[in-house]
Protein backbone atom coordinates (compact mmCIF):
# COMPACT_ATOMS: atom_id res chain seq x y z
CA MET A 1 15.71 -4.14 -4.03
CA LEU A 2 13.67 -1.03 -3.25
CA ASP A 3 11.80 -0.78 0.04
CA VAL A 4 8.60 0.30 -1.73
CA THR A 5 7.71 1.20 -5.31
CA VAL A 6 4.65 2.73 -6.91
CA ILE A 7 2.84 0.98 -9.75
CA GLU A 8 1.47 3.52 -12.24
CA ASP A 9 0.81 1.34 -15.30
CA PRO A 10 -2.74 -0.13 -15.42
CA GLU A 11 -1.56 -3.43 -16.89
CA ALA A 12 1.16 -3.80 -14.25
CA ALA A 13 -1.45 -3.07 -11.57
CA ALA A 14 -3.74 -5.78 -12.97
CA VAL A 15 -0.85 -8.26 -13.03
CA SER A 16 0.10 -7.51 -9.42
CA LEU A 17 -3.48 -7.96 -8.19
CA ASP A 18 -3.77 -11.52 -9.49
CA PRO A 19 -3.81 -13.71 -6.33
CA ILE A 20 -1.18 -16.18 -7.60
CA ARG A 21 1.14 -13.46 -8.86
CA SER A 22 0.69 -11.48 -5.65
CA ARG A 23 1.74 -14.61 -3.73
CA LEU A 24 4.78 -15.02 -5.98
CA LEU A 25 5.76 -11.39 -5.38
CA ALA A 26 5.58 -11.98 -1.63
CA GLU A 27 7.77 -15.08 -1.89
CA LEU A 28 10.32 -13.30 -4.09
CA ALA A 29 10.43 -10.29 -1.76
CA ALA A 30 11.79 -12.69 0.87
CA GLY A 31 14.65 -13.78 -1.40
CA PRO A 32 15.56 -15.01 -4.91
CA ALA A 33 13.98 -18.26 -6.08
CA SER A 34 13.50 -20.28 -9.24
CA ALA A 35 10.23 -21.44 -10.75
CA ALA A 36 10.92 -24.95 -9.47
CA MET A 37 11.51 -23.66 -5.93
CA LEU A 38 8.32 -21.59 -6.03
CA ALA A 39 6.17 -24.37 -7.50
CA GLY A 40 6.10 -26.35 -4.26
CA LYS A 41 5.31 -23.26 -2.19
CA VAL A 42 2.31 -22.12 -4.24
CA GLY A 43 1.08 -25.56 -5.26
CA LEU A 44 1.39 -25.12 -9.03
CA PRO A 45 3.38 -26.91 -11.75
CA ARG A 46 6.73 -25.32 -12.60
CA GLN A 47 5.51 -24.45 -16.12
CA LYS A 48 2.56 -22.49 -14.68
CA VAL A 49 4.84 -20.65 -12.27
CA ASN A 50 7.17 -19.79 -15.15
CA TYR A 51 4.23 -18.33 -17.06
CA HIS A 52 3.31 -16.06 -14.14
CA LEU A 53 6.94 -15.05 -13.55
CA LYS A 54 7.31 -13.96 -17.17
CA ALA A 55 4.21 -11.76 -16.83
CA LEU A 56 5.63 -10.17 -13.67
CA GLU A 57 9.03 -9.69 -15.31
CA ARG A 58 7.45 -8.11 -18.38
CA HIS A 59 6.00 -5.37 -16.20
CA GLY A 60 9.13 -4.79 -14.11
CA LEU A 61 7.79 -6.34 -10.91
CA VAL A 62 10.44 -9.05 -10.75
CA GLU A 63 13.94 -9.23 -12.20
CA LEU A 64 16.71 -11.73 -12.81
CA ALA A 65 18.89 -12.18 -9.73
CA GLY A 66 21.19 -14.84 -11.21
CA GLU A 67 21.36 -18.27 -12.80
CA ARG A 68 22.45 -21.68 -11.60
CA ARG A 69 23.01 -25.08 -13.18
CA LYS A 70 20.88 -27.95 -11.91
CA GLY A 71 21.72 -31.11 -13.82
CA ASN A 72 21.28 -30.35 -17.51
CA VAL A 73 19.03 -27.36 -16.82
CA THR A 74 19.95 -23.74 -16.15
CA GLU A 75 17.56 -22.28 -13.60
CA ARG A 76 16.78 -18.57 -13.55
CA LEU A 77 16.68 -17.13 -10.04
CA MET A 78 14.19 -14.28 -9.85
CA ARG A 79 13.67 -11.64 -7.18
CA ALA A 80 11.07 -8.95 -6.55
CA THR A 81 12.10 -5.44 -7.56
CA ALA A 82 10.67 -4.10 -4.28
CA ALA A 83 9.77 -5.35 -0.83
CA SER A 84 6.29 -3.87 -1.19
CA TYR A 85 4.18 -2.16 -3.83
CA VAL A 86 1.63 0.66 -3.87
CA ILE A 87 -0.79 1.14 -6.76
CA SER A 88 -0.98 4.77 -7.87
CA PRO A 89 -4.31 6.39 -8.73
CA LEU A 90 -2.74 6.89 -12.18
CA ALA A 91 -3.51 3.22 -12.80
CA LEU A 92 -7.18 4.30 -12.75
CA ALA A 93 -6.57 7.70 -14.30
CA SER A 94 -10.12 8.30 -15.53
CA VAL A 95 -11.64 7.74 -12.08
CA GLN A 96 -8.83 8.84 -9.77
CA PRO A 97 -9.90 11.05 -6.83
CA ASP A 98 -9.75 14.80 -7.33
CA PRO A 99 -9.38 16.71 -4.03
CA ASP A 100 -10.29 19.97 -5.79
CA ARG A 101 -13.72 18.65 -6.71
CA PHE A 102 -15.07 18.81 -3.17
CA ARG A 103 -13.05 20.50 -0.45
CA ASP A 104 -14.18 19.74 3.08
CA GLN A 105 -11.59 19.68 5.86
CA LEU A 106 -13.85 17.55 8.06
CA SER A 107 -14.64 14.95 5.39
CA ALA A 108 -12.96 11.54 5.67
CA ARG A 109 -13.44 11.05 1.93
CA TRP A 110 -11.68 14.32 1.16
CA LEU A 111 -8.82 13.12 3.38
CA LEU A 112 -8.77 9.90 1.33
CA ALA A 113 -8.64 11.90 -1.90
CA LEU A 114 -5.70 13.89 -0.52
CA GLY A 115 -3.93 10.64 0.39
CA ALA A 116 -4.51 9.27 -3.10
CA ARG A 117 -3.06 12.42 -4.67
CA LEU A 118 -0.08 12.14 -2.31
CA VAL A 119 0.60 8.59 -3.55
CA ARG A 120 0.22 9.69 -7.17
CA ASP A 121 2.44 12.77 -6.94
CA VAL A 122 5.20 11.23 -4.82
CA GLY A 123 5.21 8.14 -7.05
CA THR A 124 5.68 10.35 -10.12
CA LEU A 125 8.43 12.32 -8.36
CA ILE A 126 10.24 9.13 -7.33
CA THR A 127 10.16 7.88 -10.93
CA GLY A 128 11.53 11.20 -12.22
CA ALA A 129 14.24 11.40 -9.56
CA ALA A 130 15.35 7.83 -10.29
CA THR A 131 15.54 8.57 -14.03
CA ALA A 132 17.61 11.71 -13.38
CA HIS A 133 19.73 9.92 -10.74
CA LYS A 134 18.88 12.61 -8.21
CA ARG A 135 17.76 12.48 -4.60
CA LEU A 136 14.19 13.54 -3.92
CA ALA A 137 13.88 16.05 -1.05
CA THR A 138 10.83 15.15 1.05
CA TYR A 139 9.82 15.18 4.70
CA ALA A 140 7.17 13.29 6.66
CA LEU A 141 6.06 13.38 10.28
CA ASP A 142 4.13 10.52 11.85
CA GLY A 143 2.88 10.32 15.42
CA GLU A 144 -0.05 9.54 17.70
CA VAL A 145 -1.86 11.55 20.32
CA ARG A 146 -4.71 10.61 22.67
CA PHE A 147 -7.25 13.37 23.22
CA ALA A 148 -9.04 13.42 26.56
CA SER A 149 -12.21 14.79 24.98
CA PRO A 150 -13.71 15.95 21.67
CA ALA A 151 -13.21 19.52 22.89
CA ASP A 152 -9.46 18.90 23.26
CA ARG A 153 -9.35 17.46 19.76
CA ALA A 154 -11.13 20.53 18.37
CA ALA A 155 -8.71 22.82 20.22
CA PHE A 156 -5.74 20.84 18.86
CA ILE A 157 -7.04 21.16 15.29
CA GLN A 158 -7.54 24.90 15.75
CA GLU A 159 -3.99 25.40 17.05
CA LEU A 160 -2.52 23.13 14.39
CA THR A 161 -4.30 25.07 11.64
CA ALA A 162 -3.15 28.39 13.04
CA GLY A 163 0.43 27.19 13.51
CA VAL A 164 0.83 25.70 10.06
CA GLY A 165 -0.88 28.72 8.50
CA ALA A 166 1.57 31.04 10.26
CA LEU A 167 4.55 29.03 9.00
CA ILE A 168 3.20 29.12 5.43
CA ARG A 169 2.76 32.88 5.57
CA LYS A 170 6.25 33.29 7.03
CA TYR A 171 8.13 31.24 4.43
CA ASP A 172 5.96 31.54 1.31
CA ALA A 173 7.87 33.45 -1.39
CA PRO A 174 5.65 33.44 -4.48
CA ASP A 175 7.87 35.93 -6.33
CA ALA A 176 11.19 34.14 -5.71
CA ALA A 177 12.78 33.55 -9.13
CA GLY A 178 14.70 30.44 -8.09
CA GLY A 179 12.06 29.06 -5.75
CA ARG A 180 10.22 25.77 -6.06
CA ASP A 181 6.63 25.07 -5.03
CA HIS A 182 6.00 22.45 -2.35
CA ARG A 183 2.74 20.85 -1.25
CA ILE A 184 1.92 20.49 2.45
CA VAL A 185 -0.54 17.86 3.62
CA VAL A 186 -1.48 17.58 7.30
CA ALA A 187 -3.91 14.87 8.37
CA VAL A 188 -5.53 13.86 11.63
CA HIS A 189 -7.62 10.68 11.88
CA PRO A 190 -8.48 8.09 14.54
CA THR A 191 -5.96 5.29 14.99
CA VAL A 192 -7.12 1.98 13.56
CA ALA A 193 -7.41 -0.51 16.42
CA PRO A 194 -5.99 -4.05 16.00
CA GLN A 195 -8.61 -6.59 14.96
CA ALA A 196 -9.79 -8.36 18.09
CA PRO A 197 -10.46 -12.10 17.82
CA ASP A 198 -14.11 -13.15 17.94
CA PRO A 199 -14.66 -14.78 21.39
CA ARG A 200 -17.47 -16.87 19.93
CA ALA A 201 -14.97 -18.69 17.75
CA ASP A 202 -13.15 -19.95 20.86
CA GLU A 203 -16.44 -20.96 22.44
CA ASP A 204 -17.37 -22.95 19.35
CA ARG A 205 -14.08 -24.82 19.44
CA ALA A 206 -14.28 -25.45 23.20
CA VAL A 207 -17.77 -26.99 23.20
CA GLU A 208 -18.10 -29.79 20.67
CA PRO A 209 -21.63 -31.10 19.95
CA GLU A 210 -22.36 -34.61 21.10
CA ASP A 211 -23.03 -37.37 18.59
CA GLY A 212 -26.41 -36.90 17.00
CA GLU A 213 -26.68 -33.31 18.19
CA SER A 214 -26.80 -30.44 15.78
CA ARG A 215 -25.71 -26.95 16.74
CA PRO A 216 -27.89 -24.07 15.58
CA PRO A 217 -26.12 -21.84 13.06
CA GLN A 218 -24.38 -18.82 14.53
CA PRO A 219 -25.67 -15.43 13.34
CA PRO A 220 -23.15 -13.46 11.26
CA PRO A 221 -21.50 -10.43 12.88
CA ALA A 222 -23.24 -7.13 12.30
CA GLU A 223 -21.89 -5.22 9.31
CA LEU A 224 -20.50 -1.75 9.73
CA THR A 225 -22.23 0.90 7.70
CA ASP A 226 -20.70 4.06 6.41
């Protein structure tokens, strides 16, 4: 089983996004199981589960892990082909983001477009490397930093830009006959904070209305706007 795989085919993407099939993929990523074993976990008849498994198998999202006899029946044990899946922008080829359309280093949406292209390109490279039975040479750096002030963040970005630019100028060899082009993507964005529980939910559970009393409806949380 692969750690992660990229879904490029639109039909495979649609199959994986079905709630029931997504649940089956999650169950099969934990270990092989038959349709009968999965039926009780997802609350569907075995025949229905079999139908969904065949759709997943048809698109290479699950595969046969083995067979076993159970009475007069031979059960097929299926497993997920990967522990997790990422849908490539190629699955929506006509509307996939194009970072060259609008270049703005301070735009969060341009950063998102770069990330989408990264998923698309690396997914394509992984598929090609697997077909050729070759190892794909990549490198990634992930870390966190807390800036004391917006000024420090701006200074960091300036130094980072200058440093990476200097390295590119030092090692770039556009005329090298045997060279190979590589893409460099550097991103800086705020860390996403864990979702904090709503304290009002605890208050609602702690104070039960008395018989005959009705509690006024709670206002919904304010929506975040872009």
